[in-house]
Amino acid sequence: MPNMDKRDHIAPCGLDCFNCSWFETNLTDEFKREEAERLALSIEEVGCKGCRGEHGKCYWAQGDCATWACVEEKGVTYCFECDDFPCGLLAPTEKGADYPHNMKVYNLCRMKSNGIEAWIEESALIRKRYYEGDFVVGQGPIIKHE
């Protein structure tokens, strides 16, 4: 997917929807079957168009997304453009560490400091380091097998 199209699949909170295993263009038949069985869904219910494609209705959000409502109200595209960035809506939690939501502020800071195009190029590695890296104090996540 070209970077211009990827821009349409970046959530306001900084999630890289285009890298998500649930994103519609990343789905395989096997993944859909496994997730449908695991979550007691129909195969047709597995998949997501990304936050913007779903108008803020992320599958994993339990109810309406307060972050989506906030950026709509403030008239910004990404949270880093807001005068209140970072705010409590982006706060990480250990209980959510299995999901990429703890990467939001880091992603937004990288977008703000390096530009969205540069962040798109590094986003897959950021995600890989998050999920596969070992926590090393003072060094960030380290992938040992590289």
Protein backbone atom coordinates (compact mmCIF):
# COMPACT_ATOMS: atom_id res chain seq x y z
CA MET A 1 0.00 0.00 0.00
CA PRO A 2 1.50 3.38 -0.98
CA ASN A 3 2.27 5.84 1.84
CA MET A 4 -0.41 8.24 0.66
CA ASP A 5 -3.02 5.52 1.17
CA LYS A 6 -1.49 4.59 4.52
CA ARG A 7 -2.08 8.15 5.73
CA ASP A 8 -5.80 7.41 5.43
CA HIS A 9 -5.35 4.48 7.81
CA ILE A 10 -3.61 6.17 10.72
CA ALA A 11 -5.88 6.65 13.70
CA PRO A 12 -5.95 10.13 15.27
CA CYS A 13 -4.44 8.58 18.42
CA GLY A 14 -1.40 7.33 16.50
CA LEU A 15 -2.27 3.70 15.93
CA ASP A 16 -0.98 2.32 12.65
CA CYS A 17 -4.17 0.62 11.51
CA PHE A 18 -2.51 -0.40 8.23
CA ASN A 19 -0.07 -2.64 10.16
CA CYS A 20 -2.75 -4.30 12.30
CA SER A 21 -3.49 -7.99 11.81
CA TRP A 22 -7.22 -7.13 11.86
CA PHE A 23 -6.93 -4.54 9.07
CA GLU A 24 -8.98 -5.71 6.07
CA THR A 25 -6.09 -5.84 3.58
CA ASN A 26 -3.93 -7.87 6.01
CA LEU A 27 -6.46 -10.65 6.64
CA THR A 28 -5.87 -14.21 5.57
CA ASP A 29 -8.58 -16.85 5.45
CA GLU A 30 -6.79 -18.80 8.19
CA PHE A 31 -6.60 -15.75 10.46
CA LYS A 32 -10.28 -14.98 9.91
CA ARG A 33 -11.26 -18.57 10.78
CA GLU A 34 -9.08 -18.61 13.91
CA GLU A 35 -10.28 -15.24 15.18
CA ALA A 36 -13.93 -16.05 14.45
CA GLU A 37 -13.61 -19.24 16.47
CA ARG A 38 -11.64 -17.59 19.30
CA LEU A 39 -14.09 -14.70 19.66
CA ALA A 40 -17.31 -16.54 18.75
CA LEU A 41 -17.88 -14.31 15.71
CA SER A 42 -18.92 -15.08 12.19
CA ILE A 43 -16.09 -15.00 9.65
CA GLU A 44 -17.70 -11.91 8.09
CA GLU A 45 -17.35 -10.03 11.40
CA VAL A 46 -13.57 -10.46 11.48
CA GLY A 47 -11.74 -7.50 10.05
CA CYS A 48 -11.58 -3.75 10.28
CA LYS A 49 -11.27 -0.82 7.89
CA GLY A 50 -9.24 1.13 10.42
CA CYS A 51 -10.37 3.90 12.71
CA ARG A 52 -10.97 6.43 9.94
CA GLY A 53 -12.66 3.86 7.69
CA GLU A 54 -14.96 2.93 10.55
CA HIS A 55 -15.56 6.60 11.53
CA GLY A 56 -14.03 6.12 14.96
CA LYS A 57 -15.71 2.78 15.62
CA CYS A 58 -12.62 0.67 16.25
CA TYR A 59 -13.59 -2.96 16.76
CA TRP A 60 -11.62 -3.06 20.00
CA ALA A 61 -13.09 0.14 21.46
CA GLN A 62 -15.79 -0.73 23.92
CA GLY A 63 -18.43 1.75 22.86
CA ASP A 64 -17.78 5.14 21.34
CA CYS A 65 -14.17 6.28 21.13
CA ALA A 66 -13.58 9.37 23.29
CA THR A 67 -10.38 10.17 21.38
CA TRP A 68 -12.24 10.22 18.06
CA ALA A 69 -14.87 12.53 19.56
CA CYS A 70 -12.15 14.79 20.95
CA VAL A 71 -10.25 15.26 17.66
CA GLU A 72 -13.54 15.86 15.88
CA GLU A 73 -14.47 18.52 18.43
CA LYS A 74 -11.04 20.18 18.33
CA GLY A 75 -10.73 20.03 14.55
CA VAL A 76 -7.37 18.26 14.43
CA THR A 77 -6.31 15.26 12.36
CA TYR A 78 -3.88 13.74 14.88
CA CYS A 79 -3.67 14.17 18.65
CA PHE A 80 -0.15 15.63 18.42
CA GLU A 81 -1.67 18.70 16.73
CA CYS A 82 -3.70 19.50 19.86
CA ASP A 83 -2.53 22.06 22.43
CA ASP A 84 -3.40 19.55 25.18
CA PHE A 85 -1.16 16.77 23.77
CA PRO A 86 -0.47 14.44 25.45
CA CYS A 87 -3.62 14.09 27.53
CA GLY A 88 -5.17 11.42 29.69
CA LEU A 89 -7.03 9.88 26.76
CA LEU A 90 -3.66 8.56 25.54
CA ALA A 91 -2.35 7.28 28.88
CA PRO A 92 -0.97 3.72 28.69
CA THR A 93 -1.94 0.93 31.02
CA GLU A 94 -0.23 -2.33 31.84
CA LYS A 95 -3.53 -4.15 31.40
CA GLY A 96 -3.57 -3.02 27.77
CA ALA A 97 0.00 -4.01 27.00
CA ASP A 98 -1.05 -6.91 24.76
CA TYR A 99 -2.61 -4.39 22.38
CA PRO A 100 -0.73 -1.69 20.45
CA HIS A 101 -2.49 1.07 22.38
CA ASN A 102 0.55 1.60 24.58
CA MET A 103 2.46 2.70 21.44
CA LYS A 104 0.16 5.65 20.73
CA VAL A 105 2.11 8.47 22.40
CA TYR A 106 5.43 7.18 21.06
CA ASN A 107 4.00 7.00 17.54
CA LEU A 108 2.52 10.49 17.80
CA CYS A 109 5.81 11.92 19.08
CA ARG A 110 7.68 10.31 16.17
CA MET A 111 5.13 11.72 13.71
CA LYS A 112 5.44 15.17 15.24
CA SER A 113 9.24 15.21 15.34
CA ASN A 114 10.10 13.39 12.08
CA GLY A 115 6.98 13.80 9.94
CA ILE A 116 4.23 11.38 9.06
CA GLU A 117 5.95 9.97 5.96
CA ALA A 118 9.10 9.08 7.94
CA TRP A 119 6.99 7.54 10.69
CA ILE A 120 5.07 5.43 8.15
CA GLU A 121 8.40 4.04 6.92
CA GLU A 122 9.48 3.06 10.45
CA SER A 123 6.08 2.03 11.80
CA ALA A 124 6.41 -1.69 11.03
CA LEU A 125 9.74 -1.81 12.89
CA ILE A 126 8.27 0.10 15.84
CA ARG A 127 5.45 -2.45 16.03
CA LYS A 128 7.88 -5.36 15.69
CA ARG A 129 10.08 -4.00 18.48
CA TYR A 130 7.01 -3.55 20.68
CA TYR A 131 5.76 -7.10 20.25
CA GLU A 132 9.03 -9.00 19.80
CA GLY A 133 11.58 -6.88 21.66
CA ASP A 134 12.94 -7.62 25.11
CA PHE A 135 12.54 -4.86 27.67
CA VAL A 136 15.96 -3.48 28.55
CA VAL A 137 15.97 -0.55 30.97
CA GLY A 138 17.50 2.51 29.35
CA GLN A 139 17.76 0.92 25.89
CA GLY A 140 14.19 0.47 24.70
CA PRO A 141 12.98 -2.81 23.28
CA ILE A 142 15.78 -4.94 21.86
CA ILE A 143 15.20 -7.65 19.26
CA LYS A 144 17.88 -10.22 20.01
CA HIS A 145 17.58 -12.32 16.86
CA GLU A 146 18.49 -9.49 14.47
